[in-house]
């Protein structure tokens, strides 16, 4: 084959998708409303267009545990890799912070990676984004959960609900 013909053949094979280049996954954003109360939690939660929020009102005798679990089950198209995971939250409490733990599992459900992110200031008015990773090389699938503790509502402060708005895989 002549050099020119080899180049044309190679471009044709790539164009037909027979050789797929590895590229970044499309970004997939889910609503915080997909998060459900964890099995061992006693808190109550509300759902709206803003995601999930803690509906318990502050009780000085002790507030119930308020943990939600956000599912992560994502398979990419062949040749696409996951390189980032982020979550957007609103921390409206001046007494507690939001704390979220990513638990990545294999297909058997065994934890292979955990990492915690949290707010470190109280009563933010704007969004806070937790970024978990940017993987060099990436992965084609992501399985696991994000477990988040949400602060309770303090009505006297009139700050609004702390909530999980969205989480994204890309």
Foldseek 3Di string as FASTA:
>chain_A
DDPVVVVVVVVVCVVVVVDDAAEAFDKDKDFLQQWAWDPPWDWDWDQDLQHIFTAAEDDVVDDTWTKTKHWFWDAADPRHFWFWKKWKKFAQAQPDKKKKKWFWDDPVRHTPDIDMDIDDHHGDLDIDMDIDGGDVVGHRITGTIMMMTFDYHHVVVVRDTIHTGMMMID
